[in-house]
Amino acid sequence: MIFARVTGTVVCTLKDEKLVGSKLLLVQPVDLAGSSKGGPLVAVDSVGAGEGELVLIVQGSSARQTTRTEGRPVDAVIFAIVDTVEASGKTAFKKSEDAHAK
C-alpha cells in the first residue's frame, strides 16, 4: 500500500472497453510529511476520491482485486481515502486538518 495525493484527473476519449466508466486520477506518491516520493501515477478511482485528498493505492496484481477493477487492464487503483494516521502514539495525519485537501 502506498500513500498518495490526488493531483488531477486524466480524461481519455478512447480507451479499452473494460475501462469505460472508470474514473482515472493522477496521483503523486508521498510520505506522511507530504514530500513526493517518485513520479506521478495514473490510478483508477474505486472510492470516489477528489483532488487534494490523501489516498491509499496499490499497484500490480493487487490493483485488480477490487470489484471495480477485477479482470481489467489496471496497474494502480485508489482503494481508500485516508481519514487519520497514528504513528508511535501520535496523530501523524488528520484529514480535517489537512491544508492540501480541497
Foldseek 3Di string as FASTA:
>chain_A
DFKWAFAAWDDDPDDDPLCVPWTKTKIFTADLVRHGDDDIDIATEPDPDDHQFIFDKAFDPVSCPDPSRPPHPGGMYTDGTDAWDDDPNHTSDHPVPRPRHD
